Each structure stands twice: as structure tokens, then as C-alpha cells.
């Protein structure tokens, strides 16, 4: 009787499908978000980077 890889490894195809679904979800999320890099000249340390990222963050209008 020939054993399949799934029987030997104790894994199932469903786990692989779940992993690929998760990777696809992350990729689609990154495509939907409008991510831009801050200007490189203004960033000298981590504090400057955080400040530049806050400026680029989306603004929510409260009316």
C-alpha cells in the first residue's frame, strides 16, 4: 500500500488552502491601502520616521 505525503506528514490539504487564503488576504489588503513612503531626507532617526508616518496616515472627518 502506497502512502501519500499527507499521511506521512500528518498534514492535510485544508491547511495549505487556509495558508494560501491568508496570504491572498494580506496581499489584497496591502493593495487596497494607499501606502506611501515618507521623504527620505527628513528622516534621521526612528522618532522622525514615526512623525512622518503619522502625517501620512488617513484623516477621519468627524461631523
C-alpha atoms as a PDB file:
ATOM      1  CA  UNK A   1       0.000   0.000   0.000  1.00  0.00           C
ATOM      2  CA  UNK A   2       1.478   3.321  -1.058  1.00  0.00           C
ATOM      3  CA  UNK A   3       1.351   6.125   1.479  1.00  0.00           C
ATOM      4  CA  UNK A   4       0.681   9.668   0.340  1.00  0.00           C
ATOM      5  CA  UNK A   5       2.723  12.609   1.570  1.00  0.00           C
ATOM      6  CA  UNK A   6      -0.248  13.882   3.593  1.00  0.00           C
ATOM      7  CA  UNK A   7      -0.458  10.613   5.518  1.00  0.00           C
ATOM      8  CA  UNK A   8       3.267  10.592   6.243  1.00  0.00           C
ATOM      9  CA  UNK A   9       3.491  14.254   7.262  1.00  0.00           C
ATOM     10  CA  UNK A  10       0.199  14.248   9.137  1.00  0.00           C
ATOM     11  CA  UNK A  11      -0.944  17.331   7.271  1.00  0.00           C
ATOM     12  CA  UNK A  12      -3.995  17.965   5.182  1.00  0.00           C
ATOM     13  CA  UNK A  13      -4.719  19.939   2.046  1.00  0.00           C
ATOM     14  CA  UNK A  14      -7.083  22.146   4.052  1.00  0.00           C
ATOM     15  CA  UNK A  15      -4.149  23.649   5.970  1.00  0.00           C
ATOM     16  CA  UNK A  16      -2.407  24.550   2.725  1.00  0.00           C
ATOM     17  CA  UNK A  17      -5.619  26.088   1.409  1.00  0.00           C
ATOM     18  CA  UNK A  18      -6.019  28.133   4.606  1.00  0.00           C
ATOM     19  CA  UNK A  19      -2.433  29.368   4.335  1.00  0.00           C
ATOM     20  CA  UNK A  20      -2.876  30.444   0.721  1.00  0.00           C
ATOM     21  CA  UNK A  21      -6.166  32.179   1.625  1.00  0.00           C
ATOM     22  CA  UNK A  22      -4.380  34.094   4.376  1.00  0.00           C
ATOM     23  CA  UNK A  23      -1.549  35.152   2.097  1.00  0.00           C
ATOM     24  CA  UNK A  24      -4.049  36.277  -0.528  1.00  0.00           C
ATOM     25  CA  UNK A  25      -5.998  38.283   2.082  1.00  0.00           C
ATOM     26  CA  UNK A  26      -2.869  40.105   3.241  1.00  0.00           C
ATOM     27  CA  UNK A  27      -1.813  40.845  -0.343  1.00  0.00           C
ATOM     28  CA  UNK A  28      -5.256  42.236  -1.227  1.00  0.00           C
ATOM     29  CA  UNK A  29      -5.282  44.378   1.931  1.00  0.00           C
ATOM     30  CA  UNK A  30      -1.927  45.877   1.014  1.00  0.00           C
ATOM     31  CA  UNK A  31      -3.180  46.620  -2.495  1.00  0.00           C
ATOM     32  CA  UNK A  32      -6.263  48.397  -1.182  1.00  0.00           C
ATOM     33  CA  UNK A  33      -4.382  50.574   1.301  1.00  0.00           C
ATOM     34  CA  UNK A  34      -2.744  53.657  -0.140  1.00  0.00           C
ATOM     35  CA  UNK A  35       0.732  53.243   1.306  1.00  0.00           C
ATOM     36  CA  UNK A  36       3.351  55.851   0.501  1.00  0.00           C
ATOM     37  CA  UNK A  37       6.869  56.190   1.808  1.00  0.00           C
ATOM     38  CA  UNK A  38       7.802  59.420   3.607  1.00  0.00           C
ATOM     39  CA  UNK A  39      10.516  61.625   2.151  1.00  0.00           C
ATOM     40  CA  UNK A  40      13.906  60.103   2.911  1.00  0.00           C
ATOM     41  CA  UNK A  41      15.751  63.359   3.527  1.00  0.00           C
ATOM     42  CA  UNK A  42      13.649  64.367   6.543  1.00  0.00           C
ATOM     43  CA  UNK A  43      14.151  61.104   8.421  1.00  0.00           C
ATOM     44  CA  UNK A  44      17.251  60.865  10.586  1.00  0.00           C
ATOM     45  CA  UNK A  45      16.037  58.583  13.385  1.00  0.00           C
ATOM     46  CA  UNK A  46      13.096  56.453  14.490  1.00  0.00           C
ATOM     47  CA  UNK A  47      11.222  59.408  16.016  1.00  0.00           C
ATOM     48  CA  UNK A  48      11.341  61.281  12.690  1.00  0.00           C
ATOM     49  CA  UNK A  49      10.064  58.170  10.909  1.00  0.00           C
ATOM     50  CA  UNK A  50       7.063  57.855  13.237  1.00  0.00           C
ATOM     51  CA  UNK A  51       6.269  61.550  12.853  1.00  0.00           C
ATOM     52  CA  UNK A  52       6.393  61.240   9.044  1.00  0.00           C
ATOM     53  CA  UNK A  53       4.149  58.155   9.115  1.00  0.00           C
ATOM     54  CA  UNK A  54       1.583  59.948  11.285  1.00  0.00           C
ATOM     55  CA  UNK A  55       1.454  62.790   8.774  1.00  0.00           C
ATOM     56  CA  UNK A  56       0.743  60.263   6.004  1.00  0.00           C
ATOM     57  CA  UNK A  57      -1.957  58.435   7.965  1.00  0.00           C
ATOM     58  CA  UNK A  58      -5.555  58.804   6.780  1.00  0.00           C
ATOM     59  CA  UNK A  59      -7.642  61.523   8.388  1.00  0.00           C
ATOM     60  CA  UNK A  60     -11.153  60.823   9.569  1.00  0.00           C
ATOM     61  CA  UNK A  61     -13.706  63.568   9.302  1.00  0.00           C
ATOM     62  CA  UNK A  62     -15.939  63.971  12.365  1.00  0.00           C
ATOM     63  CA  UNK A  63     -19.043  65.931  11.531  1.00  0.00           C
END
